[in-house]
């Protein structure tokens, strides 16, 4: 059995997939879970030695579980296309996988680069998503469409790595708008599944609270313009998540427009 499998989820990431795969060439196998990209993502990944599997997108939780099922290693390292493993993290992961330690699941800190600088506040450092390094069979993801949770399949609580991977969350401002639109749609779907109801005042309130959290409570103001843009992007994503839910729950059909004739 292989020791470490690295998996990367991707869709139309031809500009990011090469450096992402290159950063985990040290792994025993690399799996790229692609959701039928229409660009050259799959071809680039395969040319670098990754095994590409095509997975119809049905939410990020199911996508990640399918990627895990394809991994053959004793340990699994989860990486997104906008993330990069560093030499320090590589060495730490290899040391963990080569030792008889008792921990099975690890969170990995992320260091974010945006608008030409490393973000030190805004909730972006140290920034964790789900556990990203774990023994095969020690955890699984919940089938959430976005911001997927996870379930431990072990009684031992997760540990934390000391070193951080890099993340490049937004290539430019267009990508901020694109992600706000994409994730707000998936977020509205998740809220609907949870039975949440929404109105425009709720959308505005949640959006404003998200901005306050990131810009003031998480000290995004200390990150300057980058912190403001991050907070504003979170406002937009949160506002439209609830606004789209309200749209789905409302009847905004246009009035009837019968055919007009001369008679």
Protein backbone atom coordinates (compact mmCIF):
# COMPACT_ATOMS: atom_id res chain seq x y z
CA UNK A 1 0.00 0.00 0.00
CA UNK A 2 1.25 3.49 -0.83
CA UNK A 3 2.20 5.74 2.06
CA UNK A 4 0.84 9.18 1.04
CA UNK A 5 -1.79 10.06 -1.55
CA UNK A 6 -2.41 13.69 -2.46
CA UNK A 7 -5.69 14.67 -4.05
CA UNK A 8 -6.62 17.95 -5.73
CA UNK A 9 -10.14 19.00 -6.72
CA UNK A 10 -10.39 21.19 -9.80
CA UNK A 11 -12.67 22.64 -12.45
CA UNK A 12 -11.34 24.85 -15.24
CA UNK A 13 -8.11 25.55 -13.37
CA UNK A 14 -5.59 25.36 -16.22
CA UNK A 15 -3.72 28.40 -14.83
CA UNK A 16 -3.43 26.93 -11.32
CA UNK A 17 -3.27 23.16 -11.68
CA UNK A 18 0.38 22.95 -12.77
CA UNK A 19 1.90 24.67 -9.70
CA UNK A 20 -0.55 22.82 -7.45
CA UNK A 21 0.47 19.41 -8.80
CA UNK A 22 4.15 20.39 -8.87
CA UNK A 23 3.98 21.16 -5.15
CA UNK A 24 3.00 17.55 -4.32
CA UNK A 25 5.25 15.61 -6.69
CA UNK A 26 6.86 14.14 -3.57
CA UNK A 27 3.65 12.18 -2.79
CA UNK A 28 3.41 8.49 -3.71
CA UNK A 29 0.37 9.20 -5.89
CA UNK A 30 -1.52 12.29 -7.02
CA UNK A 31 -5.23 12.20 -7.76
CA UNK A 32 -6.91 15.11 -9.55
CA UNK A 33 -10.70 15.01 -9.19
CA UNK A 34 -11.88 17.03 -12.17
CA UNK A 35 -15.52 17.84 -12.85
CA UNK A 36 -15.32 17.69 -16.65
CA UNK A 37 -13.34 20.88 -17.16
CA UNK A 38 -13.80 22.54 -20.53
CA UNK A 39 -10.22 23.87 -20.58
CA UNK A 40 -6.89 21.99 -20.39
CA UNK A 41 -6.96 21.23 -16.66
CA UNK A 42 -7.17 17.45 -17.04
CA UNK A 43 -4.53 17.29 -19.79
CA UNK A 44 -2.03 19.38 -17.82
CA UNK A 45 -2.54 17.32 -14.67
CA UNK A 46 -2.09 14.04 -16.54
CA UNK A 47 1.08 15.31 -18.24
CA UNK A 48 2.59 15.86 -14.79
CA UNK A 49 1.88 12.29 -13.72
CA UNK A 50 -1.40 12.78 -11.85
CA UNK A 51 -4.21 10.26 -12.17
CA UNK A 52 -7.25 12.20 -13.32
CA UNK A 53 -10.73 11.03 -12.38
CA UNK A 54 -13.85 12.70 -13.76
CA UNK A 55 -16.53 13.36 -11.15
CA UNK A 56 -19.88 15.02 -11.97
CA UNK A 57 -20.23 17.98 -9.61
CA UNK A 58 -22.90 17.38 -6.98
CA UNK A 59 -21.53 19.59 -4.23
CA UNK A 60 -18.07 19.81 -2.72
CA UNK A 61 -18.76 17.23 0.00
CA UNK A 62 -19.55 14.44 -2.45
CA UNK A 63 -16.69 15.54 -4.71
CA UNK A 64 -14.16 15.21 -1.89
CA UNK A 65 -15.54 11.84 -0.75
CA UNK A 66 -15.20 10.50 -4.28
CA UNK A 67 -11.61 11.75 -4.41
CA UNK A 68 -10.84 10.06 -1.08
CA UNK A 69 -12.29 6.77 -2.35
CA UNK A 70 -9.82 6.89 -5.26
CA UNK A 71 -6.78 7.30 -2.95
CA UNK A 72 -4.71 4.19 -2.23
CA UNK A 73 -2.29 5.62 0.33
CA UNK A 74 -2.24 5.00 4.07
CA UNK A 75 -2.33 8.78 4.50
CA UNK A 76 -4.23 11.34 2.44
CA UNK A 77 -3.25 14.98 1.84
CA UNK A 78 -6.04 17.24 0.58
CA UNK A 79 -5.07 20.20 -1.58
CA UNK A 80 -7.16 22.64 -3.61
CA UNK A 81 -6.04 24.01 -6.97
CA UNK A 82 -5.38 27.45 -5.46
CA UNK A 83 -3.16 26.00 -2.72
CA UNK A 84 0.54 25.11 -2.73
CA UNK A 85 2.41 22.76 -0.45
CA UNK A 86 5.65 24.21 0.91
CA UNK A 87 8.92 22.36 1.61
CA UNK A 88 8.33 22.81 5.35
CA UNK A 89 4.88 21.25 5.18
CA UNK A 90 6.17 18.43 2.97
CA UNK A 91 8.84 17.57 5.53
CA UNK A 92 6.34 17.72 8.38
CA UNK A 93 3.88 15.44 6.59
CA UNK A 94 6.57 12.92 5.70
CA UNK A 95 7.73 12.88 9.32
CA UNK A 96 4.18 12.28 10.59
CA UNK A 97 3.52 9.51 8.08
CA UNK A 98 6.83 7.85 8.96
CA UNK A 99 6.30 7.83 12.72
CA UNK A 100 4.17 5.58 14.95
CA UNK A 101 2.25 8.57 16.32
CA UNK A 102 -1.26 8.20 17.72
CA UNK A 103 -2.96 11.09 15.92
CA UNK A 104 -4.98 10.27 12.83
CA UNK A 105 -6.21 13.64 11.55
CA UNK A 106 -4.50 17.01 11.19
CA UNK A 107 -5.52 20.56 10.39
CA UNK A 108 -3.06 22.45 8.17
CA UNK A 109 -2.72 26.25 8.50
CA UNK A 110 -2.94 28.31 5.31
CA UNK A 111 -1.08 31.52 4.52
CA UNK A 112 -2.95 33.66 1.97
CA UNK A 113 -1.42 35.94 -0.67
CA UNK A 114 -3.65 38.63 -2.20
CA UNK A 115 -3.15 42.01 -3.89
CA UNK A 116 0.61 41.60 -3.81
CA UNK A 117 0.96 40.91 -0.08
CA UNK A 118 0.66 38.20 2.54
CA UNK A 119 -2.59 38.68 4.44
CA UNK A 120 -1.96 38.73 8.18
CA UNK A 121 -5.50 39.41 9.42
CA UNK A 122 -9.07 39.34 7.96
CA UNK A 123 -9.53 35.80 9.25
CA UNK A 124 -7.07 34.69 6.57
CA UNK A 125 -4.13 33.79 8.83
CA UNK A 126 -3.77 31.34 10.30
CA UNK A 127 -6.58 30.09 8.12
CA UNK A 128 -7.92 26.52 8.37
CA UNK A 129 -10.50 24.68 6.33
CA UNK A 130 -11.37 21.03 6.97
CA UNK A 131 -8.56 18.73 8.16
CA UNK A 132 -6.21 18.32 5.20
CA UNK A 133 -4.00 15.42 6.32
CA UNK A 134 -5.46 12.21 7.69
CA UNK A 135 -5.15 8.45 7.74
CA UNK A 136 -7.15 6.75 5.03
CA UNK A 137 -10.48 5.86 6.64
CA UNK A 138 -10.15 8.29 9.57
CA UNK A 139 -12.65 10.89 8.29
CA UNK A 140 -15.19 11.69 5.61
CA UNK A 141 -16.95 14.82 4.42
CA UNK A 142 -20.60 15.65 4.89
CA UNK A 143 -22.56 15.84 1.60
CA UNK A 144 -22.92 19.62 1.78
CA UNK A 145 -22.96 21.59 -1.49
CA UNK A 146 -20.48 24.18 -0.14
CA UNK A 147 -18.45 24.86 3.03
CA UNK A 148 -18.68 21.15 3.60
CA UNK A 149 -18.33 19.81 7.10
CA UNK A 150 -16.58 16.61 8.07
CA UNK A 151 -17.10 13.59 10.30
CA UNK A 152 -14.34 11.91 12.26
CA UNK A 153 -14.30 8.13 12.06
CA UNK A 154 -11.90 7.90 15.00
CA UNK A 155 -12.18 8.76 18.69
CA UNK A 156 -8.90 10.70 18.65
CA UNK A 157 -9.26 14.45 18.21
CA UNK A 158 -7.35 16.20 15.38
CA UNK A 159 -3.92 17.73 15.73
CA UNK A 160 -2.45 20.81 14.06
CA UNK A 161 0.59 21.17 11.83
CA UNK A 162 3.14 23.85 12.73
CA UNK A 163 3.92 24.94 9.16
CA UNK A 164 1.54 26.55 6.67
CA UNK A 165 0.73 25.86 3.04
CA UNK A 166 0.20 28.78 0.68
CA UNK A 167 -3.13 29.79 -0.78
CA UNK A 168 -3.85 32.20 -3.62
CA UNK A 169 -7.61 32.70 -3.14
CA UNK A 170 -8.22 35.29 -5.88
CA UNK A 171 -6.26 35.81 -9.09
CA UNK A 172 -7.91 39.18 -9.66
CA UNK A 173 -11.08 41.12 -8.88
CA UNK A 174 -13.03 39.26 -11.57
CA UNK A 175 -12.39 36.03 -9.71
CA UNK A 176 -13.70 37.57 -6.49
CA UNK A 177 -16.98 38.36 -8.25
CA UNK A 178 -17.07 34.94 -9.89
CA UNK A 179 -16.54 33.12 -6.59
CA UNK A 180 -19.09 35.32 -4.82
CA UNK A 181 -21.65 34.34 -7.44
CA UNK A 182 -20.76 30.64 -7.45
CA UNK A 183 -20.59 30.17 -3.69
CA UNK A 184 -23.68 32.28 -2.99
CA UNK A 185 -25.69 30.01 -5.30
CA UNK A 186 -24.41 26.88 -3.55
CA UNK A 187 -24.90 28.55 -0.16
CA UNK A 188 -28.52 29.38 -0.99
CA UNK A 189 -29.03 25.73 -1.92
CA UNK A 190 -27.63 24.64 1.43
CA UNK A 191 -29.84 27.11 3.34
CA UNK A 192 -32.89 25.82 1.48
CA UNK A 193 -32.00 22.24 2.43
CA UNK A 194 -31.78 23.35 6.06
CA UNK A 195 -35.25 24.90 5.90
CA UNK A 196 -34.08 28.51 6.28
CA UNK A 197 -36.34 31.31 5.08
CA UNK A 198 -34.98 34.64 3.90
CA UNK A 199 -36.00 38.19 3.07
CA UNK A 200 -34.07 41.17 1.80
CA UNK A 201 -33.57 42.65 5.28
CA UNK A 202 -32.15 39.33 6.46
CA UNK A 203 -29.86 39.30 3.41
CA UNK A 204 -28.66 42.83 4.19
CA UNK A 205 -28.20 42.10 7.89
CA UNK A 206 -26.17 38.95 7.33
CA UNK A 207 -24.11 40.70 4.67
CA UNK A 208 -23.30 43.65 6.93
CA UNK A 209 -22.43 41.35 9.82
CA UNK A 210 -20.04 39.41 7.58
CA UNK A 211 -18.33 42.68 6.58
CA UNK A 212 -18.02 43.80 10.23
CA UNK A 213 -16.60 40.45 11.24
CA UNK A 214 -13.87 40.43 8.60
CA UNK A 215 -12.96 44.12 8.53
CA UNK A 216 -13.19 44.99 12.23
CA UNK A 217 -13.43 41.92 14.49
CA UNK A 218 -10.88 39.93 12.47
CA UNK A 219 -8.77 43.09 12.00
CA UNK A 220 -8.99 43.20 8.22
CA UNK A 221 -8.59 46.97 8.52
CA UNK A 222 -4.91 46.31 9.31
CA UNK A 223 -4.52 44.65 5.90
CA UNK A 224 -5.37 47.92 4.15
CA UNK A 225 -7.09 47.81 0.78
CA UNK A 226 -6.70 44.04 0.61
CA UNK A 227 -8.56 43.69 3.91
CA UNK A 228 -11.34 45.99 2.69
CA UNK A 229 -11.75 44.05 -0.56
CA UNK A 230 -11.87 40.74 1.35
CA UNK A 231 -14.52 42.10 3.71
CA UNK A 232 -16.53 43.57 0.83
CA UNK A 233 -16.33 40.27 -1.05
CA UNK A 234 -17.67 38.46 2.01
CA UNK A 235 -20.48 41.01 2.24
CA UNK A 236 -21.45 40.39 -1.38
CA UNK A 237 -21.25 36.62 -1.13
CA UNK A 238 -23.31 36.52 2.07
CA UNK A 239 -25.86 39.10 0.87
CA UNK A 240 -26.50 37.31 -2.41
CA UNK A 241 -26.68 33.92 -0.70
CA UNK A 242 -29.73 35.07 1.28
CA UNK A 243 -31.05 37.21 -1.58
CA UNK A 244 -30.97 34.21 -3.95
CA UNK A 245 -32.74 32.10 -1.34
CA UNK A 246 -35.41 34.83 -1.05
CA UNK A 247 -35.72 34.86 -4.83
CA UNK A 248 -36.35 31.11 -4.90
CA UNK A 249 -38.94 31.39 -2.14
CA UNK A 250 -40.79 34.30 -3.75
CA UNK A 251 -43.14 34.51 -6.70
CA UNK A 252 -41.60 37.18 -8.88
CA UNK A 253 -43.29 36.13 -12.11
CA UNK A 254 -43.92 38.98 -14.57
CA UNK A 255 -47.54 39.99 -15.21
CA UNK A 256 -49.30 38.26 -18.10
CA UNK A 257 -48.74 39.75 -21.51
CA UNK A 258 -51.47 38.56 -23.88
CA UNK A 259 -51.04 38.73 -27.66
CA UNK A 260 -51.96 42.11 -29.12
CA UNK A 261 -53.81 42.33 -32.41
CA UNK A 262 -55.57 45.12 -34.32
CA UNK A 263 -58.98 43.79 -33.35
